Protein backbone atom coordinates (compact mmCIF):
# COMPACT_ATOMS: atom_id res chain seq x y z
CA MET A 1 -57.28 48.19 7.78
CA LEU A 2 -55.34 47.63 10.98
CA PHE A 3 -52.31 49.77 11.81
CA ASN A 4 -50.60 46.64 13.13
CA SER A 5 -51.01 44.65 9.91
CA ILE A 6 -48.73 43.83 7.00
CA GLU A 7 -51.27 45.49 4.70
CA TYR A 8 -50.76 48.84 6.40
CA PHE A 9 -46.99 48.62 6.06
CA VAL A 10 -47.49 48.24 2.32
CA PHE A 11 -50.32 50.75 2.04
CA PHE A 12 -48.83 53.61 4.07
CA PRO A 13 -45.43 54.01 2.32
CA LEU A 14 -47.20 53.85 -1.05
CA ALA A 15 -49.73 56.47 0.06
CA VAL A 16 -46.93 58.76 1.29
CA PHE A 17 -44.77 58.32 -1.82
CA VAL A 18 -47.56 59.07 -4.28
CA TYR A 19 -48.80 61.97 -2.13
CA PHE A 20 -45.46 63.77 -2.33
CA VAL A 21 -44.98 62.95 -6.02
CA LEU A 22 -48.34 64.42 -7.02
CA VAL A 23 -48.86 68.11 -7.69
CA GLN A 24 -50.81 69.95 -5.01
CA ARG A 25 -54.20 70.01 -6.77
CA TYR A 26 -54.39 66.20 -6.88
CA ARG A 27 -53.19 65.50 -3.35
CA VAL A 28 -56.56 65.89 -1.63
CA LEU A 29 -58.16 63.51 -4.12
CA TRP A 30 -55.37 60.99 -3.58
CA LEU A 31 -55.71 61.09 0.21
CA LEU A 32 -59.48 60.75 -0.12
CA LEU A 33 -59.09 57.68 -2.33
CA CYS A 34 -56.58 56.23 0.13
CA SER A 35 -59.01 56.89 2.98
CA CYS A 36 -61.85 55.19 1.12
CA TYR A 37 -59.70 52.14 0.50
CA PHE A 38 -58.48 52.11 4.10
CA TYR A 39 -62.08 52.07 5.35
CA MET A 40 -63.46 49.69 2.74
CA VAL A 41 -60.98 46.99 3.78
CA PHE A 42 -63.17 46.50 6.87
CA ARG A 43 -66.55 46.30 5.11
CA PRO A 44 -66.91 47.99 1.68
CA VAL A 45 -70.65 48.67 1.73
CA TYR A 46 -70.45 50.82 4.87
CA VAL A 47 -68.51 53.51 3.02
CA LEU A 48 -71.92 54.45 1.54
CA ILE A 49 -73.06 55.49 5.03
CA LEU A 50 -70.10 57.82 5.28
CA PHE A 51 -70.82 59.31 1.89
CA PHE A 52 -74.47 59.90 2.81
CA THR A 53 -73.62 61.88 5.95
CA ILE A 54 -70.81 63.70 4.15
CA VAL A 55 -73.21 64.91 1.45
CA VAL A 56 -75.85 65.95 4.00
CA ASP A 57 -73.36 67.81 6.21
CA TYR A 58 -71.58 69.46 3.28
CA PHE A 59 -74.77 71.03 1.94
CA ALA A 60 -76.07 71.76 5.44
CA GLY A 61 -72.85 73.67 6.16
CA LEU A 62 -73.22 75.69 2.95
CA ALA A 63 -76.86 76.43 3.77
CA ILE A 64 -76.05 77.51 7.35
CA GLY A 65 -73.23 79.75 6.20
CA GLY A 66 -75.26 81.16 3.32
CA THR A 67 -78.02 82.77 5.35
CA GLU A 68 -78.40 85.09 8.31
CA ASN A 69 -81.93 83.86 9.00
CA ALA A 70 -81.79 82.30 12.47
CA LYS A 71 -84.65 79.86 11.83
CA LYS A 72 -83.15 78.58 8.59
CA ARG A 73 -79.73 78.21 10.15
CA LYS A 74 -81.18 76.23 13.01
CA MET A 75 -83.28 74.14 10.61
CA TRP A 76 -80.22 73.08 8.61
CA LEU A 77 -78.29 72.35 11.79
CA VAL A 78 -81.13 70.10 12.93
CA VAL A 79 -81.14 68.36 9.54
CA SER A 80 -77.43 67.63 9.92
CA LEU A 81 -77.70 66.44 13.51
CA VAL A 82 -80.73 64.25 12.79
CA ALA A 83 -78.98 62.63 9.81
CA ASN A 84 -75.85 61.86 11.83
CA LEU A 85 -77.51 60.84 15.07
CA GLY A 86 -80.21 58.92 13.19
CA ILE A 87 -77.64 56.66 11.55
CA LEU A 88 -75.71 56.28 14.79
CA VAL A 89 -78.85 55.36 16.75
CA PHE A 90 -80.05 52.91 14.09
CA PHE A 91 -76.83 50.96 13.68
CA LYS A 92 -75.52 51.17 17.23
CA TYR A 93 -78.57 51.39 19.49
CA TYR A 94 -81.64 49.98 17.73
CA ASN A 95 -81.07 46.41 18.93
CA PHE A 96 -79.98 47.65 22.36
CA PHE A 97 -83.11 49.73 22.91
CA THR A 98 -85.36 47.06 21.41
CA SER A 99 -83.94 44.27 23.57
CA SER A 100 -84.14 46.51 26.66
CA ILE A 101 -87.80 47.25 25.94
CA ASN A 102 -88.45 43.54 25.32
CA GLU A 103 -86.94 42.69 28.71
CA LEU A 104 -89.06 45.37 30.38
CA PHE A 105 -92.21 44.06 28.68
CA GLY A 106 -91.30 40.54 29.80
CA PHE A 107 -90.91 41.75 33.37
CA LEU A 108 -94.33 43.42 33.11
CA HIS A 109 -95.80 40.28 31.47
CA ILE A 110 -96.63 42.14 28.27
CA SER A 111 -96.55 39.83 25.25
CA SER A 112 -95.62 42.46 22.63
CA ARG A 113 -92.03 42.13 21.41
CA GLY A 114 -89.93 44.19 19.02
CA SER A 115 -87.87 42.46 16.34
CA LEU A 116 -84.08 42.60 16.42
CA LEU A 117 -82.17 43.32 13.22
CA ASP A 118 -79.18 41.42 11.88
CA ILE A 119 -76.90 44.42 11.36
CA LEU A 120 -73.22 45.02 12.04
CA LEU A 121 -71.92 48.22 13.58
CA PRO A 122 -69.81 50.14 11.04
CA VAL A 123 -66.23 50.46 12.28
CA GLY A 124 -65.52 53.80 13.97
CA LEU A 125 -69.09 55.07 13.48
CA SER A 126 -69.16 57.00 16.76
CA PHE A 127 -65.87 58.73 15.98
CA HIS A 128 -66.55 60.06 12.51
CA THR A 129 -70.16 60.89 13.46
CA PHE A 130 -68.96 63.18 16.25
CA GLN A 131 -66.31 64.72 14.00
CA ALA A 132 -68.92 65.45 11.33
CA MET A 133 -71.28 66.96 13.89
CA SER A 134 -68.57 69.26 15.22
CA TYR A 135 -68.26 70.77 11.73
CA THR A 136 -71.88 71.84 11.33
CA ILE A 137 -72.07 72.99 14.96
CA GLU A 138 -68.97 75.17 14.53
CA VAL A 139 -70.34 76.60 11.27
CA TYR A 140 -73.62 77.35 13.05
CA ARG A 141 -71.72 79.09 15.85
CA ASN A 142 -69.79 81.15 13.27
CA ASN A 143 -66.52 79.68 14.50
CA GLN A 144 -65.83 78.03 11.15
CA LYS A 145 -66.56 79.14 7.60
CA PRO A 146 -68.44 76.56 5.53
CA GLU A 147 -66.09 74.46 3.42
CA LYS A 148 -66.88 74.98 -0.27
CA ASN A 149 -64.59 72.29 -1.65
CA PHE A 150 -66.51 69.02 -1.38
CA LEU A 151 -63.39 66.86 -1.63
CA VAL A 152 -61.67 68.76 1.19
CA TYR A 153 -64.70 68.38 3.43
CA ALA A 154 -65.00 64.68 2.60
CA LEU A 155 -61.33 64.24 3.49
CA TYR A 156 -61.90 66.06 6.79
CA VAL A 157 -64.39 63.35 7.77
CA MET A 158 -62.52 60.42 6.21
CA PHE A 159 -58.83 61.22 6.77
CA PHE A 160 -57.52 57.68 7.21
CA PRO A 161 -55.04 58.11 10.12
CA GLN A 162 -57.82 59.14 12.52
CA LEU A 163 -60.92 57.88 10.72
CA VAL A 164 -61.62 54.79 12.81
CA ALA A 165 -60.61 55.68 16.39
CA GLY A 166 -59.81 59.37 16.47
CA PRO A 167 -58.67 61.69 17.80
CA ILE A 168 -61.94 63.51 17.09
CA GLU A 169 -60.71 66.62 15.34
CA ARG A 170 -62.36 70.04 15.13
CA PRO A 171 -62.65 71.71 11.72
CA GLN A 172 -60.59 74.70 12.91
CA ASN A 173 -57.60 72.45 13.48
CA LEU A 174 -57.73 70.14 10.46
CA LEU A 175 -59.57 71.66 7.49
CA HIS A 176 -57.08 74.43 6.74
CA GLN A 177 -54.19 71.95 6.79
CA PHE A 178 -55.48 70.26 3.63
CA TYR A 179 -54.81 73.46 1.68
CA LYS A 180 -51.16 73.66 2.66
CA LYS A 181 -48.46 72.29 0.41
CA TYR A 182 -46.17 70.02 2.36
CA GLU A 183 -42.85 68.88 0.98
CA PRO A 184 -40.91 65.88 2.31
CA ASP A 185 -39.17 66.95 5.48
CA LEU A 186 -36.73 64.48 7.03
CA GLU A 187 -37.06 65.87 10.55
CA ARG A 188 -40.86 65.74 10.39
CA ILE A 189 -40.81 62.25 8.87
CA ASN A 190 -38.35 61.12 11.55
CA SER A 191 -40.62 62.50 14.26
CA GLY A 192 -43.67 60.83 12.73
CA MET A 193 -41.93 57.49 12.41
CA ARG A 194 -40.88 57.64 16.06
CA LEU A 195 -44.51 58.02 17.08
CA ILE A 196 -45.51 55.14 14.81
CA VAL A 197 -42.82 52.82 16.18
CA TRP A 198 -43.64 53.80 19.76
CA GLY A 199 -47.33 53.17 19.13
CA LEU A 200 -46.58 49.76 17.65
CA PHE A 201 -44.39 48.95 20.64
CA LYS A 202 -47.17 49.82 23.10
CA LYS A 203 -49.75 47.90 21.09
CA MET A 204 -47.86 44.77 20.06
CA VAL A 205 -45.34 44.32 22.87
CA VAL A 206 -47.44 45.45 25.84
CA ALA A 207 -51.19 45.77 25.21
CA ASP A 208 -51.55 42.64 23.08
CA ARG A 209 -49.45 40.66 25.57
CA LEU A 210 -51.75 41.76 28.39
CA ALA A 211 -54.90 40.86 26.43
CA PRO A 212 -54.80 37.04 26.92
CA TRP A 213 -54.49 37.43 30.70
CA VAL A 214 -57.42 39.82 30.83
CA ASN A 215 -59.56 37.86 28.36
CA THR A 216 -59.02 34.58 30.21
CA VAL A 217 -60.36 35.94 33.50
CA TYR A 218 -63.10 38.19 32.14
CA GLY A 219 -64.16 35.58 29.59
CA ASN A 220 -65.31 33.20 32.32
CA VAL A 221 -65.42 35.02 35.63
CA ARG A 222 -67.06 32.17 37.52
CA ASN A 223 -63.89 30.11 37.26
CA TYR A 224 -61.84 32.69 39.19
CA SER A 225 -61.71 34.55 42.47
CA GLY A 226 -60.47 37.73 44.13
CA PRO A 227 -56.75 37.76 43.26
CA GLU A 228 -57.43 37.00 39.60
CA PHE A 229 -60.11 39.70 39.43
CA VAL A 230 -57.80 42.29 40.97
CA GLY A 231 -54.91 41.26 38.73
CA ALA A 232 -56.97 41.13 35.53
CA THR A 233 -58.56 44.51 36.24
CA PHE A 234 -55.18 46.07 36.99
CA LEU A 235 -53.78 44.67 33.73
CA PHE A 236 -56.86 45.78 31.79
CA ALA A 237 -56.37 49.35 33.00
CA PHE A 238 -52.99 49.37 31.29
CA GLN A 239 -54.10 47.25 28.35
CA ILE A 240 -56.83 49.69 27.34
CA TYR A 241 -54.59 52.70 27.90
CA TYR A 242 -51.65 51.36 25.90
CA ASP A 243 -53.96 49.98 23.22
CA PHE A 244 -55.91 53.20 22.71
CA SER A 245 -52.99 55.59 23.15
CA ALA A 246 -50.99 53.40 20.74
CA TYR A 247 -53.65 54.00 18.09
CA THR A 248 -53.43 57.74 18.71
CA ASP A 249 -49.63 57.67 18.48
CA ILE A 250 -49.71 55.78 15.18
CA ALA A 251 -52.45 58.06 13.84
CA ARG A 252 -50.55 61.21 14.82
CA GLY A 253 -47.30 59.77 13.48
CA SER A 254 -48.85 58.76 10.16
CA ALA A 255 -50.44 62.19 9.75
CA ARG A 256 -47.17 63.92 10.69
CA VAL A 257 -45.20 62.03 8.03
CA LEU A 258 -47.65 63.48 5.50
CA GLY A 259 -47.30 66.94 7.04
CA PHE A 260 -50.45 67.15 9.15
CA GLU A 261 -50.74 67.65 12.91
CA LEU A 262 -53.45 65.92 14.94
CA MET A 263 -54.28 66.76 18.54
CA LYS A 264 -52.92 64.83 21.50
CA ASN A 265 -55.47 62.47 22.99
CA PHE A 266 -53.70 61.38 26.18
CA GLU A 267 -51.51 62.99 28.83
CA ARG A 268 -50.44 60.19 31.20
CA PRO A 269 -53.93 59.75 32.71
CA TYR A 270 -52.80 57.35 35.43
CA ALA A 271 -50.67 60.09 36.94
CA ALA A 272 -53.85 62.00 37.80
CA LEU A 273 -54.38 63.13 41.40
CA SER A 274 -58.14 63.53 41.01
CA VAL A 275 -60.87 62.04 38.83
CA ARG A 276 -61.35 65.46 37.25
CA ASP A 277 -57.66 65.49 36.40
CA PHE A 278 -57.96 61.97 34.97
CA TRP A 279 -60.63 63.12 32.53
CA ARG A 280 -58.49 66.06 31.50
CA ARG A 281 -55.84 63.53 30.49
CA TRP A 282 -57.90 60.61 29.13
CA HIS A 283 -59.41 60.62 25.62
CA ILE A 284 -59.02 64.38 25.50
CA SER A 285 -60.72 64.82 22.12
CA LEU A 286 -63.93 63.13 23.36
CA SER A 287 -63.87 64.79 26.79
CA THR A 288 -63.56 68.26 25.25
CA TRP A 289 -66.23 67.37 22.66
CA PHE A 290 -68.77 66.60 25.38
CA LYS A 291 -67.68 69.65 27.34
CA ASP A 292 -68.03 72.07 24.42
CA TYR A 293 -71.16 70.65 22.79
CA VAL A 294 -73.16 69.21 25.71
CA TYR A 295 -71.95 70.33 29.15
CA VAL A 296 -71.43 74.05 28.44
CA PRO A 297 -74.69 74.47 26.44
CA LEU A 298 -76.55 72.87 29.36
CA GLY A 299 -75.16 75.59 31.61
CA GLY A 300 -72.00 73.85 32.76
CA ASN A 301 -71.01 74.98 36.24
CA ARG A 302 -72.49 78.45 35.75
CA VAL A 303 -75.78 77.23 37.20
CA GLY A 304 -76.57 76.08 40.73
CA VAL A 305 -74.78 73.19 42.40
CA PHE A 306 -77.69 70.79 41.93
CA ARG A 307 -78.15 71.64 38.26
CA ALA A 308 -74.41 71.47 37.61
CA SER A 309 -74.30 68.02 39.21
CA LEU A 310 -77.15 66.85 36.98
CA ASN A 311 -75.32 68.25 33.96
CA LEU A 312 -72.23 66.24 34.84
CA LEU A 313 -74.21 63.05 35.37
CA PHE A 314 -76.02 63.52 32.07
CA VAL A 315 -72.77 64.11 30.18
CA PHE A 316 -71.21 60.97 31.61
CA PHE A 317 -74.38 59.00 30.95
CA LEU A 318 -74.04 60.01 27.30
CA SER A 319 -70.32 59.24 27.38
CA GLY A 320 -71.04 55.73 28.63
CA LEU A 321 -73.73 55.23 26.00
CA TRP A 322 -71.38 56.57 23.31
CA HIS A 323 -68.89 53.86 24.16
CA GLY A 324 -71.25 50.97 23.68
CA ALA A 325 -74.83 49.73 23.48
CA ASN A 326 -74.74 47.92 26.81
CA TRP A 327 -75.89 48.85 30.30
CA THR A 328 -72.39 48.07 31.55
CA TYR A 329 -71.05 51.09 29.64
CA VAL A 330 -73.88 53.27 30.93
CA ILE A 331 -73.06 52.34 34.53
CA TRP A 332 -69.35 52.92 33.83
CA GLY A 333 -70.16 56.42 32.59
CA LEU A 334 -72.53 57.22 35.45
CA LEU A 335 -70.04 55.93 38.01
CA ASN A 336 -67.40 58.33 36.70
CA GLY A 337 -70.02 61.07 36.83
CA VAL A 338 -70.76 60.22 40.46
CA TYR A 339 -67.04 60.39 41.23
CA LEU A 340 -66.87 63.89 39.78
CA VAL A 341 -70.02 65.12 41.51
CA PHE A 342 -68.84 63.75 44.85
CA GLY A 343 -65.42 65.31 44.30
CA ASN A 344 -66.97 68.71 43.59
CA LEU A 345 -69.26 68.58 46.61
CA THR A 346 -66.52 67.51 49.02
CA ARG A 347 -63.58 69.52 47.66
CA ASN A 348 -63.32 71.86 50.64
CA ILE A 349 -63.82 69.10 53.21
CA ARG A 350 -61.21 66.88 51.59
CA SER A 351 -58.76 69.77 51.45
CA LYS A 352 -59.16 70.42 55.19
CA TRP A 353 -58.82 66.74 56.10
CA GLY A 354 -55.75 66.54 53.88
CA GLU A 355 -54.13 69.37 55.82
CA ILE A 356 -54.97 67.66 59.11
CA PHE A 357 -53.64 64.22 58.14
CA PHE A 358 -50.67 65.17 55.97
CA GLY A 359 -49.78 68.73 56.88
CA LYS A 360 -46.82 69.79 54.77
CA ARG A 361 -45.91 66.25 53.72
CA GLU A 362 -46.96 66.82 50.12
CA PHE A 363 -45.41 63.60 48.81
CA PHE A 364 -47.57 61.41 51.04
CA ARG A 365 -50.63 63.49 50.32
CA SER A 366 -50.08 63.24 46.57
CA PHE A 367 -49.43 59.51 46.82
CA PHE A 368 -52.68 58.99 48.74
CA GLN A 369 -54.59 61.03 46.18
CA TRP A 370 -53.01 59.13 43.30
CA LEU A 371 -53.73 55.73 44.86
CA THR A 372 -57.35 56.66 45.60
CA VAL A 373 -57.95 57.84 42.05
CA PHE A 374 -56.28 54.79 40.55
CA ILE A 375 -58.45 52.44 42.65
CA LEU A 376 -61.64 54.33 41.77
CA ILE A 377 -60.83 54.26 38.05
CA ASN A 378 -60.10 50.53 38.25
CA ILE A 379 -63.43 49.88 39.95
CA ALA A 380 -65.12 51.66 37.05
CA TRP A 381 -63.07 49.68 34.50
CA VAL A 382 -64.73 46.48 35.77
CA PHE A 383 -68.05 47.67 34.31
CA PHE A 384 -66.32 48.74 31.10
CA ARG A 385 -64.76 45.29 30.58
CA VAL A 386 -67.42 42.81 31.71
CA GLU A 387 -69.83 41.28 29.20
CA ASN A 388 -72.91 41.85 31.35
CA LEU A 389 -74.07 43.12 34.73
CA SER A 390 -74.31 39.60 36.10
CA ASP A 391 -70.56 39.15 35.64
CA ALA A 392 -69.93 42.50 37.33
CA GLY A 393 -72.04 41.44 40.30
CA TYR A 394 -70.15 38.16 40.57
CA ILE A 395 -66.77 39.90 40.50
CA PHE A 396 -67.61 42.42 43.22
CA SER A 397 -69.26 39.79 45.41
CA HIS A 398 -66.22 37.49 45.19
CA LEU A 399 -63.37 40.00 45.52
CA GLY A 400 -62.63 38.72 49.02
CA SER A 401 -62.49 35.06 48.06
CA GLY A 402 -59.50 32.93 47.12
CA TRP A 403 -56.72 35.01 48.62
CA GLY A 404 -55.38 32.23 50.81
CA SER A 405 -55.55 29.29 48.45
CA VAL A 406 -56.21 29.07 44.72
CA GLY A 407 -55.63 32.72 43.94
CA GLY A 408 -52.38 32.91 45.85
CA ALA A 409 -51.15 29.75 44.12
CA TRP A 410 -52.07 31.27 40.75
CA ILE A 411 -49.99 34.37 41.50
CA LEU A 412 -47.00 32.30 42.62
CA THR A 413 -47.26 30.03 39.57
CA ASN A 414 -47.22 32.99 37.20
CA LEU A 415 -44.75 35.10 39.15
CA ASN A 416 -42.11 35.10 36.40
CA LYS A 417 -44.59 36.14 33.73
CA LEU A 418 -46.03 38.81 35.99
CA ALA A 419 -42.52 40.13 36.66
CA PHE A 420 -41.88 40.34 32.91
CA ILE A 421 -45.14 42.23 32.45
CA GLY A 422 -44.17 44.52 35.31
CA VAL A 423 -40.89 45.38 33.61
CA GLY A 424 -42.73 46.12 30.37
CA LEU A 425 -45.18 48.42 32.14
CA ALA A 426 -42.33 50.18 33.91
CA VAL A 427 -40.46 50.78 30.65
CA VAL A 428 -43.49 52.28 28.93
CA GLU A 429 -44.36 54.45 31.93
CA LEU A 430 -40.78 55.74 32.17
CA VAL A 431 -40.73 56.66 28.49
CA GLU A 432 -44.15 58.34 28.75
CA TRP A 433 -43.00 60.24 31.84
CA GLY A 434 -39.75 61.20 30.12
CA ASN A 435 -41.68 62.47 27.12
CA ILE A 436 -43.68 64.80 29.34
CA LYS A 437 -40.52 66.14 30.96
CA THR A 438 -38.08 66.24 28.03
CA LYS A 439 -40.18 65.53 24.88
CA ILE A 440 -37.93 62.59 24.03
CA LEU A 441 -40.47 61.27 21.51
CA GLU A 442 -40.47 64.66 19.80
CA ARG A 443 -36.70 65.04 19.54
CA LYS A 444 -34.29 63.45 17.13
CA VAL A 445 -33.61 59.88 18.16
CA LEU A 446 -30.50 57.99 17.20
CA ILE A 447 -30.97 55.22 14.64
CA PRO A 448 -29.81 52.55 17.15
CA ALA A 449 -32.68 53.47 19.48
CA LEU A 450 -35.22 53.02 16.66
CA VAL A 451 -33.58 49.77 15.61
CA LEU A 452 -33.73 48.53 19.20
CA ALA A 453 -37.44 49.38 19.43
CA VAL A 454 -38.13 47.59 16.14
CA LEU A 455 -36.18 44.53 17.34
CA PHE A 456 -38.24 44.46 20.54
CA ILE A 457 -41.40 44.51 18.42
CA LEU A 458 -40.11 41.69 16.19
CA PHE A 459 -38.96 39.48 19.07
CA PHE A 460 -41.55 40.19 21.75
CA GLY A 461 -44.50 41.62 19.84
CA SER A 462 -47.76 39.82 19.23
CA PHE A 463 -48.43 39.32 15.52
CA GLN A 464 -52.00 38.11 15.83
CA ASN A 465 -53.37 41.27 14.16
CA GLN A 466 -55.51 41.97 17.20
CA GLN A 467 -57.96 44.81 16.66
CA PHE A 468 -57.64 47.98 18.67
CA ILE A 469 -60.15 47.98 21.51
CA TYR A 470 -61.78 51.26 20.48
CA PHE A 471 -62.58 49.97 16.98
CA GLN A 472 -65.82 48.58 18.43
CA PHE A 473 -67.01 52.09 19.26
């Protein structure tokens, strides 16, 4: 079920009303049933996959917590990880790996070919797989007691606000909240509704209005040239941010109305002054997941410089692969890893050159850093958005073309529309900046402000029920 659909605006108020009417002992069951329905709207049969991993992880958690034997604890952890990763690899990567091997065999003139399967990727599989894995890992590390109530654990994995596209919650943050009794609280409901309305504004008024521009250029790159590529990539950077952060806002707002608090997933990433800072602000729940469960166990930065660099590259290779079964995502991940490794290796040199060029003019130094990071991130976004590596090669090889003729005419022809988009981007950025400074989205907002936001959605929003970009992951 889409957050930006009529169905959700019927489903959510009903879910909230019944939740608060029910006595405490039935609330978990009700939310679990709501979550099952929410997920089954996409494709009913795939809820069985969720139930399978839930059962495996529930009993694995009990087994890990029920013994002090190190070998048995590790065995049950492996069982859990294999079950989760096995399903993820089968549904998301089987055809990718098979087709890649087939292409390699073709290059080597080997006739053997693997068969591709006609399977669809379950919606949000990567998200709830990682959330489930964090539970058994935390139980294994003795950071979380095993959950004995099966319904509570099932709800932890399936909680509908963040089931499909996160944020990826840790058991320490979410599990205990299901035991609390929340009563209707007008201030909390008001705060949650503000986040929902703001998320819908970002999604329907901004992100979905940017989508046609981006899709037109990236859908047939050979019909366009440099100015269109630069413009489409710039717009995509904001499209994906507003689209994904909108989902997080609506998820957090929906959970807050019910009484639950989910973690923040974004912190104005395009204000970052370094690539490292960008990844502290972008998709925080995934970045910290990889840090805690992959990077640190590999040794993190406690090992030598060379080993630490390899750790970073490996983490971002996995991050790229997590996002999609396509070499474009892998290169996107590795490119961000290269940025970070280069930044670490040149930190002292860059600091000295910064002092030489800018001295005490901190504003100009910060602006240069911001612009550099923004350009680097946009270069990486090209690989994230293209359909294949051939399209990426065409874009980068034709960035210099068309600036004096067709491309310039295209910009002039669409100047009014681009100005309107610019105003929309400025409004959202100002509100996001204001929220960091004054928490305006967390405070009480006058009814006229909410009415104005809703009117903007009704008059300028896209009602095409466009999926959120991160649903595909």
